[in-house]
Amino acid sequence: SRGPTTTRSDANGFGSSVSAAVDPTNSDVLYVGWGDRVGNGDIFSIHIRRSTDKGASWSSDLIVLRDTAPFSIAIAENGTVGVLYQQLVKESSSNRWRTHLIQTKDAFKNVADTLLADAQDGIPACGMLPYLGDYNGLLTVNNEYRGVFSSSNQPNSANFPSGQPSYQRRVDWNGGHL
């Protein structure tokens, strides 16, 4: 139910992500999202639209996610659309990278938002852009979402309000390093 997330680059090496998904129970219904780059960095505004006629026509923006990085769309067998994305939230004391899984059954009129990760920007120090990495992935198995996303290289269970995740590397939670 999830198409590949792809990235295209312009002449300056800056790109945009694109993600698409087909409803597994109604192939007339498609969702697509893409990013418009904001400024000269790796931050985008993500636009998500829907087609109910196999892509012949499209809605206007159903939702716009501002100050985001990678994102992925998937649709569960019960028709629930999920979007996994990472957002830079600017606060007075420090900026934070928040990873969200939002779900909707009614084309984003109502949204359930699960905060998966909430890490301070720049800890540890940024060695390159994009800070969190440039990939996340979301898919469904029946009505269950499964996914992967990048996060801070300093593991801290307090950064994961929905529960301690699995890392793809060895992790020392007590020592705070990978």
C-alpha atoms as a PDB file:
ATOM      1  CA  SER A   1       0.000   0.000   0.000  1.00  0.00           C
ATOM      2  CA  ARG A   2       3.019   2.279  -0.023  1.00  0.00           C
ATOM      3  CA  GLY A   3       4.965   3.371  -3.027  1.00  0.00           C
ATOM      4  CA  PRO A   4       8.632   4.183  -2.770  1.00  0.00           C
ATOM      5  CA  THR A   5       9.762   7.462  -1.310  1.00  0.00           C
ATOM      6  CA  THR A   6      11.968   9.095  -3.886  1.00  0.00           C
ATOM      7  CA  THR A   7      14.145  12.165  -3.894  1.00  0.00           C
ATOM      8  CA  ARG A   8      14.910  14.443  -6.800  1.00  0.00           C
ATOM      9  CA  SER A   9      17.615  17.084  -6.822  1.00  0.00           C
ATOM     10  CA  ASP A  10      17.853  20.383  -8.606  1.00  0.00           C
ATOM     11  CA  ALA A  11      21.049  21.792 -10.135  1.00  0.00           C
ATOM     12  CA  ASN A  12      22.217  22.917  -6.680  1.00  0.00           C
ATOM     13  CA  GLY A  13      21.870  19.430  -5.171  1.00  0.00           C
ATOM     14  CA  PHE A  14      18.742  20.277  -3.195  1.00  0.00           C
ATOM     15  CA  GLY A  15      15.903  17.790  -3.480  1.00  0.00           C
ATOM     16  CA  SER A  16      12.396  16.974  -2.509  1.00  0.00           C
ATOM     17  CA  SER A  17      10.749  13.813  -1.301  1.00  0.00           C
ATOM     18  CA  VAL A  18       7.747  12.239  -2.981  1.00  0.00           C
ATOM     19  CA  SER A  19       5.634   9.479  -1.457  1.00  0.00           C
ATOM     20  CA  ALA A  20       2.488   7.824  -2.775  1.00  0.00           C
ATOM     21  CA  ALA A  21       0.111   5.104  -1.606  1.00  0.00           C
ATOM     22  CA  VAL A  22      -2.865   3.216  -3.055  1.00  0.00           C
ATOM     23  CA  ASP A  23      -5.779   2.137  -0.862  1.00  0.00           C
ATOM     24  CA  PRO A  24      -5.471  -1.686  -0.753  1.00  0.00           C
ATOM     25  CA  THR A  25      -9.263  -2.152  -0.657  1.00  0.00           C
ATOM     26  CA  ASN A  26     -10.179   0.513  -3.228  1.00  0.00           C
ATOM     27  CA  SER A  27      -7.648   1.042  -6.010  1.00  0.00           C
ATOM     28  CA  ASP A  28      -9.522   4.176  -7.134  1.00  0.00           C
ATOM     29  CA  VAL A  29      -8.181   5.991  -4.031  1.00  0.00           C
ATOM     30  CA  LEU A  30      -4.616   7.294  -4.155  1.00  0.00           C
ATOM     31  CA  TYR A  31      -2.668   9.631  -1.881  1.00  0.00           C
ATOM     32  CA  VAL A  32       0.441  11.537  -2.876  1.00  0.00           C
ATOM     33  CA  GLY A  33       2.698  13.867  -0.941  1.00  0.00           C
ATOM     34  CA  TRP A  34       5.641  16.015  -1.955  1.00  0.00           C
ATOM     35  CA  GLY A  35       7.878  18.628  -0.401  1.00  0.00           C
ATOM     36  CA  ASP A  36       8.491  22.253  -1.318  1.00  0.00           C
ATOM     37  CA  ARG A  37      11.902  23.350  -0.063  1.00  0.00           C
ATOM     38  CA  VAL A  38      11.889  26.225   2.409  1.00  0.00           C
ATOM     39  CA  GLY A  39      14.927  28.493   2.061  1.00  0.00           C
ATOM     40  CA  ASN A  40      18.334  26.974   1.329  1.00  0.00           C
ATOM     41  CA  GLY A  41      18.289  24.124   3.828  1.00  0.00           C
ATOM     42  CA  ASP A  42      16.904  20.612   4.058  1.00  0.00           C
ATOM     43  CA  ILE A  43      13.534  21.665   5.490  1.00  0.00           C
ATOM     44  CA  PHE A  44      10.332  21.344   3.459  1.00  0.00           C
ATOM     45  CA  SER A  45       6.616  22.008   3.569  1.00  0.00           C
ATOM     46  CA  ILE A  46       4.922  18.700   2.759  1.00  0.00           C
ATOM     47  CA  HIS A  47       1.681  18.811   0.733  1.00  0.00           C
ATOM     48  CA  ILE A  48      -0.664  15.813   0.708  1.00  0.00           C
ATOM     49  CA  ARG A  49      -3.458  15.328  -1.834  1.00  0.00           C
ATOM     50  CA  ARG A  50      -5.963  12.601  -2.698  1.00  0.00           C
ATOM     51  CA  SER A  51      -7.510  11.189  -5.857  1.00  0.00           C
ATOM     52  CA  THR A  52     -10.671   9.096  -5.834  1.00  0.00           C
ATOM     53  CA  ASP A  53     -10.573   8.315  -9.580  1.00  0.00           C
ATOM     54  CA  LYS A  54      -7.224   6.516 -10.046  1.00  0.00           C
ATOM     55  CA  GLY A  55      -5.306   9.777 -10.449  1.00  0.00           C
ATOM     56  CA  ALA A  56      -7.437  11.398 -13.161  1.00  0.00           C
ATOM     57  CA  SER A  57      -8.124  14.349 -10.823  1.00  0.00           C
ATOM     58  CA  TRP A  58      -6.741  15.466  -7.469  1.00  0.00           C
ATOM     59  CA  SER A  59      -7.990  17.328  -4.415  1.00  0.00           C
ATOM     60  CA  SER A  60      -6.432  20.535  -3.246  1.00  0.00           C
ATOM     61  CA  ASP A  61      -4.017  20.193  -0.305  1.00  0.00           C
ATOM     62  CA  LEU A  62      -5.657  18.100   2.419  1.00  0.00           C
ATOM     63  CA  ILE A  63      -2.893  18.934   4.855  1.00  0.00           C
ATOM     64  CA  VAL A  64       0.367  20.890   4.746  1.00  0.00           C
ATOM     65  CA  LEU A  65       3.087  19.883   7.206  1.00  0.00           C
ATOM     66  CA  ARG A  66       5.512  22.762   7.687  1.00  0.00           C
ATOM     67  CA  ASP A  67       9.208  22.633   8.649  1.00  0.00           C
ATOM     68  CA  THR A  68       9.470  18.926   7.917  1.00  0.00           C
ATOM     69  CA  ALA A  69      12.152  16.588   6.684  1.00  0.00           C
ATOM     70  CA  PRO A  70      11.610  13.043   5.348  1.00  0.00           C
ATOM     71  CA  PHE A  71       8.087  11.629   5.241  1.00  0.00           C
ATOM     72  CA  SER A  72       6.277   8.496   4.057  1.00  0.00           C
ATOM     73  CA  ILE A  73       2.628   7.622   3.361  1.00  0.00           C
ATOM     74  CA  ALA A  74       0.969   4.200   3.784  1.00  0.00           C
ATOM     75  CA  ILE A  75      -2.634   2.986   3.822  1.00  0.00           C
ATOM     76  CA  ALA A  76      -3.825   0.133   6.059  1.00  0.00           C
ATOM     77  CA  GLU A  77      -6.347  -2.484   4.946  1.00  0.00           C
ATOM     78  CA  ASN A  78      -9.097  -0.680   6.871  1.00  0.00           C
ATOM     79  CA  GLY A  79      -8.486   2.463   4.773  1.00  0.00           C
ATOM     80  CA  THR A  80      -6.652   4.409   7.473  1.00  0.00           C
ATOM     81  CA  VAL A  81      -3.993   6.655   5.950  1.00  0.00           C
ATOM     82  CA  GLY A  82      -0.767   7.047   7.921  1.00  0.00           C
ATOM     83  CA  VAL A  83       1.955   9.657   7.435  1.00  0.00           C
ATOM     84  CA  LEU A  84       5.327   9.350   9.176  1.00  0.00           C
ATOM     85  CA  TYR A  85       7.263  12.628   9.243  1.00  0.00           C
ATOM     86  CA  GLN A  86       9.904  14.562  11.144  1.00  0.00           C
ATOM     87  CA  GLN A  87       9.373  18.203  12.025  1.00  0.00           C
ATOM     88  CA  LEU A  88      11.740  20.886  13.299  1.00  0.00           C
ATOM     89  CA  VAL A  89       9.923  22.715  16.098  1.00  0.00           C
ATOM     90  CA  LYS A  90      11.447  26.078  16.986  1.00  0.00           C
ATOM     91  CA  GLU A  91      11.178  26.883  20.673  1.00  0.00           C
ATOM     92  CA  SER A  92      12.601  29.806  22.620  1.00  0.00           C
ATOM     93  CA  SER A  93      15.051  27.679  24.624  1.00  0.00           C
ATOM     94  CA  SER A  94      16.045  25.120  21.958  1.00  0.00           C
ATOM     95  CA  ASN A  95      14.889  23.645  18.686  1.00  0.00           C
ATOM     96  CA  ARG A  96      13.555  20.083  18.695  1.00  0.00           C
ATOM     97  CA  TRP A  97      13.169  17.359  16.081  1.00  0.00           C
ATOM     98  CA  ARG A  98       9.823  15.629  16.564  1.00  0.00           C
ATOM     99  CA  THR A  99       8.878  12.450  14.744  1.00  0.00           C
ATOM    100  CA  HIS A 100       5.134  11.962  14.255  1.00  0.00           C
ATOM    101  CA  LEU A 101       2.845   9.266  12.950  1.00  0.00           C
ATOM    102  CA  ILE A 102      -0.476  10.821  12.031  1.00  0.00           C
ATOM    103  CA  GLN A 103      -3.464   8.700  11.015  1.00  0.00           C
ATOM    104  CA  THR A 104      -6.782   9.596   9.415  1.00  0.00           C
ATOM    105  CA  LYS A 105      -9.851   7.755   8.176  1.00  0.00           C
ATOM    106  CA  ASP A 106     -11.541  10.826   6.667  1.00  0.00           C
ATOM    107  CA  ALA A 107      -9.008  12.536   4.379  1.00  0.00           C
ATOM    108  CA  PHE A 108      -7.393  14.545   7.224  1.00  0.00           C
ATOM    109  CA  LYS A 109     -10.575  16.140   8.567  1.00  0.00           C
ATOM    110  CA  ASN A 110      -9.735  14.374  11.843  1.00  0.00           C
ATOM    111  CA  VAL A 111      -6.222  13.237  12.704  1.00  0.00           C
ATOM    112  CA  ALA A 112      -4.783  11.038  15.448  1.00  0.00           C
ATOM    113  CA  ASP A 113      -1.199  12.132  16.164  1.00  0.00           C
ATOM    114  CA  THR A 114       1.340   9.883  17.889  1.00  0.00           C
ATOM    115  CA  LEU A 115       4.620  11.498  18.912  1.00  0.00           C
ATOM    116  CA  LEU A 116       7.292   8.840  18.371  1.00  0.00           C
ATOM    117  CA  ALA A 117      10.450  10.845  19.117  1.00  0.00           C
ATOM    118  CA  ASP A 118      11.286  14.276  20.524  1.00  0.00           C
ATOM    119  CA  ALA A 119      15.012  15.090  20.509  1.00  0.00           C
ATOM    120  CA  GLN A 120      16.859  18.369  20.925  1.00  0.00           C
ATOM    121  CA  ASP A 121      18.342  19.666  17.679  1.00  0.00           C
ATOM    122  CA  GLY A 122      22.129  19.679  17.588  1.00  0.00           C
ATOM    123  CA  ILE A 123      22.783  17.106  20.358  1.00  0.00           C
ATOM    124  CA  PRO A 124      25.125  15.586  19.482  1.00  0.00           C
ATOM    125  CA  ALA A 125      26.646  18.256  17.254  1.00  0.00           C
ATOM    126  CA  CYS A 126      25.700  18.137  13.593  1.00  0.00           C
ATOM    127  CA  GLY A 127      28.409  16.770  11.324  1.00  0.00           C
ATOM    128  CA  MET A 128      26.435  17.150   8.077  1.00  0.00           C
ATOM    129  CA  LEU A 129      23.035  17.957   6.647  1.00  0.00           C
ATOM    130  CA  PRO A 130      20.438  16.672   6.886  1.00  0.00           C
ATOM    131  CA  TYR A 131      20.867  16.438  10.645  1.00  0.00           C
ATOM    132  CA  LEU A 132      18.623  13.406  11.184  1.00  0.00           C
ATOM    133  CA  GLY A 133      19.361  11.619   7.960  1.00  0.00           C
ATOM    134  CA  ASP A 134      17.391  11.636   4.768  1.00  0.00           C
ATOM    135  CA  TYR A 135      15.201   8.573   5.011  1.00  0.00           C
ATOM    136  CA  ASN A 136      12.209   7.171   6.785  1.00  0.00           C
ATOM    137  CA  GLY A 137       9.896   4.413   5.723  1.00  0.00           C
ATOM    138  CA  LEU A 138       6.346   3.396   6.560  1.00  0.00           C
ATOM    139  CA  LEU A 139       4.375   0.356   5.466  1.00  0.00           C
ATOM    140  CA  THR A 140       1.394  -1.602   6.681  1.00  0.00           C
ATOM    141  CA  VAL A 141       0.777  -5.235   7.489  1.00  0.00           C
ATOM    142  CA  ASN A 142      -2.990  -5.683   7.609  1.00  0.00           C
ATOM    143  CA  ASN A 143      -4.017  -2.781   9.881  1.00  0.00           C
ATOM    144  CA  GLU A 144      -0.667  -2.351  11.637  1.00  0.00           C
ATOM    145  CA  TYR A 145       1.878   0.314  10.736  1.00  0.00           C
ATOM    146  CA  ARG A 146       5.556  -0.598  10.692  1.00  0.00           C
ATOM    147  CA  GLY A 147       8.290   1.865  10.027  1.00  0.00           C
ATOM    148  CA  VAL A 148      11.809   3.093  10.438  1.00  0.00           C
ATOM    149  CA  PHE A 149      13.182   6.595  10.983  1.00  0.00           C
ATOM    150  CA  SER A 150      16.435   8.304  11.879  1.00  0.00           C
ATOM    151  CA  SER A 151      16.857  10.043  15.191  1.00  0.00           C
ATOM    152  CA  SER A 152      19.562  11.524  17.387  1.00  0.00           C
ATOM    153  CA  ASN A 153      22.770   9.501  17.684  1.00  0.00           C
ATOM    154  CA  GLN A 154      22.595  10.067  21.420  1.00  0.00           C
ATOM    155  CA  PRO A 155      20.111   7.468  22.707  1.00  0.00           C
ATOM    156  CA  ASN A 156      18.008   8.770  25.566  1.00  0.00           C
ATOM    157  CA  SER A 157      14.785   6.983  26.457  1.00  0.00           C
ATOM    158  CA  ALA A 158      13.238  10.354  27.421  1.00  0.00           C
ATOM    159  CA  ASN A 159      13.356  11.264  23.695  1.00  0.00           C
ATOM    160  CA  PHE A 160      10.820   8.523  22.915  1.00  0.00           C
ATOM    161  CA  PRO A 161       7.492   9.332  24.603  1.00  0.00           C
ATOM    162  CA  SER A 162       5.727   6.381  22.922  1.00  0.00           C
ATOM    163  CA  GLY A 163       8.208   3.802  24.198  1.00  0.00           C
ATOM    164  CA  GLN A 164      11.817   2.828  23.760  1.00  0.00           C
ATOM    165  CA  PRO A 165      12.526   1.939  20.118  1.00  0.00           C
ATOM    166  CA  SER A 166      14.783  -0.641  18.547  1.00  0.00           C
ATOM    167  CA  TYR A 167      18.010   0.672  17.075  1.00  0.00           C
ATOM    168  CA  GLN A 168      19.630  -0.871  14.024  1.00  0.00           C
ATOM    169  CA  ARG A 169      22.957  -0.697  15.887  1.00  0.00           C
ATOM    170  CA  ARG A 170      24.096  -1.755  19.336  1.00  0.00           C
ATOM    171  CA  VAL A 171      22.885   0.751  21.880  1.00  0.00           C
ATOM    172  CA  ASP A 172      23.988   1.510  25.421  1.00  0.00           C
ATOM    173  CA  TRP A 173      20.945   3.239  26.951  1.00  0.00           C
ATOM    174  CA  ASN A 174      22.671   3.723  30.308  1.00  0.00           C
ATOM    175  CA  GLY A 175      25.828   5.213  28.766  1.00  0.00           C
ATOM    176  CA  GLY A 176      23.908   7.219  26.170  1.00  0.00           C
ATOM    177  CA  HIS A 177      25.829   6.139  23.094  1.00  0.00           C
ATOM    178  CA  LEU A 178      25.635   3.843  20.083  1.00  0.00           C
END
